[in-house]
Amino acid sequence: MLLVVFAGSSALGQALPLKTPSTSQERNQQQELKNQNDMLRAQLEVMKQYDQRLLNTVYWALGTLAAVAAALVGFGWFANFRVYERDKNALAQEPRRS
């Protein structure tokens, strides 16, 4: 019984030979698959570049929008502060009525 187990385990440990294409048709099919694989990889790379450019455009647009919004908020605060100071000075100079 032990002899059978050792014989079976030694057969499993051996590397299986790689199947090489034996006919020219199989070699042509493998070459065609390799060409298709290379073409798909190139298309994938182009799509990645396009996506990256699109994301860069979106990031720049959002950054510009945020900068414009911050500038408008800052200008609104500055204008409101100036109006407040002007009204405060006008009230301080106005004579009091009793």
Protein backbone atom coordinates (compact mmCIF):
# COMPACT_ATOMS: atom_id res chain seq x y z
CA MET A 1 0.00 0.00 0.00
CA LEU A 2 2.78 2.42 0.88
CA LEU A 3 4.53 1.62 -2.33
CA VAL A 4 1.50 2.72 -4.33
CA VAL A 5 1.27 6.02 -2.44
CA PHE A 6 4.94 6.83 -3.04
CA ALA A 7 4.69 5.88 -6.69
CA GLY A 8 1.64 8.11 -7.14
CA SER A 9 3.20 11.08 -5.38
CA SER A 10 6.37 10.88 -7.45
CA ALA A 11 4.30 10.93 -10.64
CA LEU A 12 2.48 14.07 -9.45
CA GLY A 13 5.73 15.84 -8.68
CA GLN A 14 7.02 15.55 -12.21
CA ALA A 15 6.55 18.53 -14.51
CA LEU A 16 4.16 18.04 -17.34
CA PRO A 17 5.65 18.70 -20.75
CA LEU A 18 4.37 21.84 -22.44
CA LYS A 19 2.28 21.18 -25.48
CA THR A 20 3.91 22.69 -28.50
CA PRO A 21 1.90 23.33 -31.62
CA SER A 22 2.49 20.51 -34.02
CA THR A 23 0.78 21.79 -37.10
CA SER A 24 1.21 25.01 -38.98
CA GLN A 25 -2.49 25.76 -38.48
CA GLU A 26 -2.10 25.66 -34.70
CA ARG A 27 0.99 27.88 -34.95
CA ASN A 28 -0.95 30.34 -37.11
CA GLN A 29 -3.82 30.37 -34.62
CA GLN A 30 -1.41 31.04 -31.75
CA GLN A 31 0.27 33.82 -33.70
CA GLU A 32 -3.11 35.35 -34.51
CA LEU A 33 -4.12 35.22 -30.84
CA LYS A 34 -0.82 36.85 -29.87
CA ASN A 35 -1.38 39.61 -32.45
CA GLN A 36 -4.91 40.19 -31.17
CA ASN A 37 -3.62 40.27 -27.60
CA ASP A 38 -0.97 42.86 -28.52
CA MET A 39 -3.56 44.96 -30.36
CA LEU A 40 -5.96 44.87 -27.41
CA ARG A 41 -3.16 45.86 -25.03
CA ALA A 42 -2.35 48.84 -27.26
CA GLN A 43 -6.02 49.85 -27.34
CA LEU A 44 -6.20 49.55 -23.55
CA GLU A 45 -3.15 51.81 -23.19
CA VAL A 46 -4.74 54.43 -25.48
CA MET A 47 -7.95 54.28 -23.44
CA LYS A 48 -5.99 54.73 -20.20
CA GLN A 49 -4.25 57.80 -21.64
CA TYR A 50 -7.60 59.24 -22.78
CA ASP A 51 -9.16 58.65 -19.37
CA GLN A 52 -6.20 60.31 -17.66
CA ARG A 53 -6.45 63.38 -19.91
CA LEU A 54 -10.18 63.57 -19.27
CA LEU A 55 -9.66 63.35 -15.51
CA ASN A 56 -6.99 66.07 -15.68
CA THR A 57 -9.44 68.32 -17.53
CA VAL A 58 -12.12 67.68 -14.90
CA TYR A 59 -9.68 68.40 -12.06
CA TRP A 60 -8.56 71.68 -13.65
CA ALA A 61 -12.18 72.71 -14.26
CA LEU A 62 -13.16 71.94 -10.65
CA GLY A 63 -10.09 73.79 -9.36
CA THR A 64 -10.91 76.83 -11.47
CA LEU A 65 -14.53 76.73 -10.32
CA ALA A 66 -13.45 76.53 -6.68
CA ALA A 67 -11.03 79.46 -7.15
CA VAL A 68 -13.75 81.62 -8.75
CA ALA A 69 -16.19 80.71 -5.96
CA ALA A 70 -13.57 81.60 -3.31
CA ALA A 71 -12.86 84.91 -5.07
CA LEU A 72 -16.57 85.78 -5.15
CA VAL A 73 -17.03 84.91 -1.47
CA GLY A 74 -13.96 87.00 -0.59
CA PHE A 75 -15.20 89.95 -2.64
CA GLY A 76 -18.65 89.70 -1.04
CA TRP A 77 -17.12 89.68 2.44
CA PHE A 78 -14.89 92.66 1.59
CA ALA A 79 -17.77 94.67 0.09
CA ASN A 80 -20.00 93.88 3.08
CA PHE A 81 -17.25 94.88 5.51
CA ARG A 82 -16.76 98.22 3.73
CA VAL A 83 -20.51 98.95 3.79
CA TYR A 84 -20.64 98.01 7.50
CA GLU A 85 -17.72 100.32 8.33
CA ARG A 86 -19.30 103.16 6.33
CA ASP A 87 -22.65 102.73 8.13
CA LYS A 88 -20.93 102.49 11.51
CA ASN A 89 -19.04 105.77 10.86
CA ALA A 90 -22.22 107.46 9.62
CA LEU A 91 -24.09 106.43 12.79
CA ALA A 92 -21.21 107.64 14.97
CA GLN A 93 -21.22 111.09 13.35
CA GLU A 94 -25.01 111.49 13.36
CA PRO A 95 -26.30 113.70 16.20
CA ARG A 96 -28.45 111.91 18.75
CA ARG A 97 -32.07 112.88 19.08
CA SER A 98 -33.78 112.63 22.39
